[in-house]
């Protein structure tokens, strides 16, 4: 296994490090560490794949009138999982928060059965010089995005998925809510596409299920407010949008 970072190391230095490396086997789905865990291990992937994931909080707000002078507001706060890096053979991870003496900021999970070479925190600092640590961080495989960038990425994924589904359904003239409606009016030649449409619906359903699995927590808050207050809030939102 060739790892670019160690190419400039001497044979003796590599041999010395190998004396401290421990081979560990992880099954698919195992979480190596989660956000908030102690940063106590450096990992090198020998075989398999590990995804580095971040938690992103999103707020969804629904408003509707409940009378001539009352509105109801439902705030739903969801926490999603977003993959920010997929690492394979020869990649390393877990060094940044350990070097900066911080708790883990993300989650690392095995996508398939994976084998890693690991070294604990104390032995890590014994084997890597200050210059080595700087180079490790410069050539890191996982870059830490900002919270706003993660939210933007998640929104983009949702929008792209929704627009793609709608475009496909519209092009096939299939009623999303009543798939047996307009679809039943298609001529015999077009009906040969039924199996394709069926597979399409299944993929869309699977995608929706996958997105739901990415929600790790959800909180709801429902409040009622006066219509005048609601109108003022709405106008304020419009002004902010125009300013932007």
Protein backbone atom coordinates (compact mmCIF):
# COMPACT_ATOMS: atom_id res chain seq x y z
CA UNK A 1 0.00 0.00 0.00
CA UNK A 2 1.47 3.31 -1.15
CA UNK A 3 0.62 6.47 0.79
CA UNK A 4 1.97 9.71 -0.76
CA UNK A 5 2.52 11.35 2.64
CA UNK A 6 5.14 8.78 3.69
CA UNK A 7 7.17 8.83 0.46
CA UNK A 8 9.72 11.24 1.91
CA UNK A 9 10.12 9.29 5.11
CA UNK A 10 13.24 7.16 5.58
CA UNK A 11 12.93 3.38 5.71
CA UNK A 12 13.91 3.35 9.38
CA UNK A 13 11.31 6.00 10.27
CA UNK A 14 8.55 4.04 8.50
CA UNK A 15 9.66 0.84 10.23
CA UNK A 16 9.60 2.59 13.60
CA UNK A 17 6.03 3.83 12.98
CA UNK A 18 4.89 0.37 11.85
CA UNK A 19 5.82 -1.01 15.28
CA UNK A 20 3.02 1.11 16.79
CA UNK A 21 0.35 0.58 14.16
CA UNK A 22 -2.49 -1.77 15.12
CA UNK A 23 -4.57 -3.50 12.47
CA UNK A 24 -8.31 -3.33 13.17
CA UNK A 25 -11.22 -4.82 11.25
CA UNK A 26 -14.55 -2.99 11.23
CA UNK A 27 -17.86 -4.30 9.82
CA UNK A 28 -20.04 -2.30 7.45
CA UNK A 29 -22.05 0.33 9.31
CA UNK A 30 -19.73 0.60 12.31
CA UNK A 31 -19.23 4.13 13.61
CA UNK A 32 -15.54 4.67 14.36
CA UNK A 33 -16.22 7.92 16.17
CA UNK A 34 -19.01 10.48 16.49
CA UNK A 35 -19.21 14.21 17.02
CA UNK A 36 -18.11 15.13 20.54
CA UNK A 37 -16.00 11.98 21.09
CA UNK A 38 -12.43 12.29 22.33
CA UNK A 39 -9.85 12.64 19.55
CA UNK A 40 -7.56 9.77 20.55
CA UNK A 41 -6.84 7.76 17.37
CA UNK A 42 -5.27 8.27 13.93
CA UNK A 43 -6.55 6.02 11.13
CA UNK A 44 -5.05 4.80 7.85
CA UNK A 45 -7.39 2.83 5.57
CA UNK A 46 -5.83 -0.41 4.34
CA UNK A 47 -9.01 -1.75 2.74
CA UNK A 48 -12.63 -0.59 2.42
CA UNK A 49 -14.29 2.81 2.63
CA UNK A 50 -15.05 5.28 5.40
CA UNK A 51 -17.43 8.24 5.02
CA UNK A 52 -16.87 11.40 7.06
CA UNK A 53 -20.24 12.95 7.90
CA UNK A 54 -21.38 16.22 9.43
CA UNK A 55 -24.59 17.09 11.27
CA UNK A 56 -26.58 19.94 9.76
CA UNK A 57 -29.51 21.63 11.49
CA UNK A 58 -32.32 22.98 9.30
CA UNK A 59 -35.49 24.83 10.30
CA UNK A 60 -38.76 24.38 8.41
CA UNK A 61 -41.61 26.82 9.12
CA UNK A 62 -45.26 26.34 8.09
CA UNK A 63 -47.92 29.05 8.57
CA UNK A 64 -51.69 28.85 8.11
CA UNK A 65 -54.73 30.86 9.31
CA UNK A 66 -56.94 29.34 12.00
CA UNK A 67 -59.48 32.18 12.07
CA UNK A 68 -60.07 35.77 10.98
CA UNK A 69 -57.56 37.07 13.52
CA UNK A 70 -55.35 34.11 14.31
CA UNK A 71 -52.49 32.29 12.58
CA UNK A 72 -50.78 29.11 13.60
CA UNK A 73 -47.05 28.62 13.11
CA UNK A 74 -45.37 25.21 13.18
CA UNK A 75 -41.60 25.24 13.54
CA UNK A 76 -39.82 21.96 12.78
CA UNK A 77 -36.11 21.74 13.53
CA UNK A 78 -34.42 18.75 11.91
CA UNK A 79 -30.86 17.56 12.15
CA UNK A 80 -29.58 15.89 8.97
CA UNK A 81 -26.45 13.90 8.13
CA UNK A 82 -24.36 15.19 5.20
CA UNK A 83 -21.38 13.28 3.82
CA UNK A 84 -18.42 15.63 3.35
CA UNK A 85 -15.84 13.04 2.33
CA UNK A 86 -15.57 9.42 1.15
CA UNK A 87 -12.17 7.90 1.94
CA UNK A 88 -10.71 4.70 0.50
CA UNK A 89 -7.50 2.65 0.56
CA UNK A 90 -4.44 4.73 1.33
CA UNK A 91 -6.36 7.65 2.85
CA UNK A 92 -5.91 8.75 6.45
CA UNK A 93 -8.19 10.64 8.83
CA UNK A 94 -8.70 11.65 12.44
CA UNK A 95 -5.54 13.76 12.60
CA UNK A 96 -6.93 17.32 12.54
CA UNK A 97 -8.93 17.40 15.77
CA UNK A 98 -6.24 15.34 17.51
CA UNK A 99 -3.51 17.83 16.53
CA UNK A 100 -5.70 20.78 17.54
CA UNK A 101 -6.61 19.10 20.85
CA UNK A 102 -10.34 19.24 20.11
CA UNK A 103 -13.23 16.75 20.41
CA UNK A 104 -14.34 15.11 17.18
CA UNK A 105 -16.30 17.51 14.97
CA UNK A 106 -17.73 14.88 12.61
CA UNK A 107 -18.79 11.26 12.39
CA UNK A 108 -16.74 8.53 10.71
CA UNK A 109 -18.67 5.45 9.53
CA UNK A 110 -17.65 2.36 7.55
CA UNK A 111 -19.57 2.13 4.28
CA UNK A 112 -18.31 -1.44 3.68
CA UNK A 113 -16.28 -3.93 5.70
CA UNK A 114 -13.09 -2.00 6.39
CA UNK A 115 -9.56 -2.62 7.64
CA UNK A 116 -7.63 0.26 9.23
CA UNK A 117 -4.17 0.71 10.66
CA UNK A 118 -4.52 2.76 13.85
CA UNK A 119 -2.25 4.48 16.32
CA UNK A 120 -3.24 6.06 19.61
CA UNK A 121 -2.77 9.73 20.50
CA UNK A 122 0.38 9.44 22.65
CA UNK A 123 2.25 7.24 20.17
CA UNK A 124 1.05 9.42 17.30
CA UNK A 125 2.79 12.49 18.73
CA UNK A 126 5.92 10.43 19.48
CA UNK A 127 6.28 9.38 15.83
CA UNK A 128 5.25 12.57 14.00
CA UNK A 129 7.42 15.68 14.20
CA UNK A 130 6.04 19.22 14.23
CA UNK A 131 6.81 19.47 10.51
CA UNK A 132 5.06 16.14 9.88
CA UNK A 133 1.96 17.39 11.70
CA UNK A 134 1.90 20.57 9.61
CA UNK A 135 2.20 18.55 6.41
CA UNK A 136 -0.53 16.16 7.54
CA UNK A 137 -2.93 19.06 7.96
CA UNK A 138 -1.92 20.65 4.66
CA UNK A 139 -2.56 17.41 2.78
CA UNK A 140 -5.62 16.36 4.76
CA UNK A 141 -8.25 14.32 2.92
CA UNK A 142 -11.11 15.94 4.84
CA UNK A 143 -11.67 19.69 4.70
CA UNK A 144 -13.94 21.26 7.31
CA UNK A 145 -16.73 23.24 5.61
CA UNK A 146 -18.64 26.03 7.30
CA UNK A 147 -22.13 25.44 8.70
CA UNK A 148 -23.69 27.72 6.04
CA UNK A 149 -21.95 25.80 3.26
CA UNK A 150 -23.29 22.50 4.61
CA UNK A 151 -26.82 23.91 4.79
CA UNK A 152 -26.48 25.21 1.23
CA UNK A 153 -25.30 21.79 0.03
CA UNK A 154 -28.22 20.04 1.72
CA UNK A 155 -30.78 22.48 0.29
CA UNK A 156 -29.25 22.07 -3.16
CA UNK A 157 -29.50 18.27 -2.90
CA UNK A 158 -33.17 18.53 -1.90
CA UNK A 159 -34.00 21.03 -4.66
CA UNK A 160 -32.23 19.00 -7.35
CA UNK A 161 -34.00 15.84 -6.26
CA UNK A 162 -37.44 17.50 -6.23
CA UNK A 163 -36.98 19.27 -9.57
CA UNK A 164 -35.69 16.11 -11.27
CA UNK A 165 -38.62 14.05 -10.03
CA UNK A 166 -41.14 16.68 -11.13
CA UNK A 167 -39.55 17.08 -14.57
CA UNK A 168 -39.61 13.34 -15.23
CA UNK A 169 -43.22 12.97 -14.11
CA UNK A 170 -44.31 15.98 -16.19
CA UNK A 171 -42.51 14.71 -19.29
CA UNK A 172 -44.28 11.36 -18.96
CA UNK A 173 -47.59 13.09 -18.23
CA UNK A 174 -48.01 11.05 -15.09
CA UNK A 175 -50.06 12.52 -12.25
CA UNK A 176 -47.81 12.43 -9.17
CA UNK A 177 -50.72 12.11 -6.73
CA UNK A 178 -52.83 9.83 -8.94
CA UNK A 179 -50.34 7.78 -10.98
CA UNK A 180 -53.11 5.62 -12.42
CA UNK A 181 -54.93 8.68 -13.78
CA UNK A 182 -53.31 10.22 -16.83
CA UNK A 183 -50.99 7.24 -17.17
CA UNK A 184 -54.02 5.08 -18.02
CA UNK A 185 -54.79 7.37 -20.96
CA UNK A 186 -51.46 6.70 -22.69
CA UNK A 187 -51.73 4.88 -26.05
CA UNK A 188 -50.70 1.25 -26.43
CA UNK A 189 -47.28 2.07 -27.83
CA UNK A 190 -46.45 4.31 -24.90
CA UNK A 191 -47.76 1.77 -22.41
CA UNK A 192 -44.68 -0.30 -23.17
CA UNK A 193 -42.93 2.16 -20.90
CA UNK A 194 -45.01 1.07 -17.92
CA UNK A 195 -42.24 -1.12 -16.54
CA UNK A 196 -39.79 1.79 -16.87
CA UNK A 197 -42.24 4.10 -15.09
CA UNK A 198 -42.70 1.52 -12.34
CA UNK A 199 -38.92 1.34 -11.82
CA UNK A 200 -38.76 5.13 -11.82
CA UNK A 201 -41.39 5.38 -9.09
CA UNK A 202 -39.49 2.82 -7.04
CA UNK A 203 -36.24 4.80 -7.36
CA UNK A 204 -38.01 7.99 -6.29
CA UNK A 205 -39.54 6.21 -3.30
CA UNK A 206 -36.14 4.75 -2.36
CA UNK A 207 -34.54 8.20 -2.63
CA UNK A 208 -37.23 9.64 -0.36
CA UNK A 209 -36.67 6.85 2.17
CA UNK A 210 -32.91 7.45 2.05
CA UNK A 211 -33.40 11.17 2.74
CA UNK A 212 -35.63 10.38 5.72
CA UNK A 213 -32.91 8.12 7.14
CA UNK A 214 -30.56 11.08 7.13
CA UNK A 215 -32.75 12.84 9.72
CA UNK A 216 -31.22 11.98 13.10
CA UNK A 217 -33.42 14.20 15.28
CA UNK A 218 -36.53 16.35 15.00
CA UNK A 219 -38.20 18.90 17.27
CA UNK A 220 -41.56 20.59 16.72
CA UNK A 221 -42.96 23.78 18.21
CA UNK A 222 -46.45 25.08 17.51
CA UNK A 223 -47.60 28.62 18.39
CA UNK A 224 -50.62 30.83 17.62
CA UNK A 225 -50.23 34.55 16.89
CA UNK A 226 -52.40 37.52 16.03
CA UNK A 227 -52.99 38.22 12.32
CA UNK A 228 -51.53 41.74 12.60
CA UNK A 229 -48.35 40.37 14.15
CA UNK A 230 -48.23 37.76 11.40
CA UNK A 231 -48.61 40.44 8.70
CA UNK A 232 -45.84 42.56 10.21
CA UNK A 233 -43.56 39.52 10.34
CA UNK A 234 -44.34 38.67 6.72
CA UNK A 235 -43.62 42.24 5.55
CA UNK A 236 -40.37 42.22 7.51
CA UNK A 237 -39.29 39.00 5.75
CA UNK A 238 -40.03 40.58 2.34
CA UNK A 239 -37.92 43.65 3.19
CA UNK A 240 -35.00 41.47 4.29
CA UNK A 241 -35.24 39.49 1.05
CA UNK A 242 -35.15 42.70 -1.03
CA UNK A 243 -32.14 44.01 0.89
CA UNK A 244 -30.22 40.81 0.18
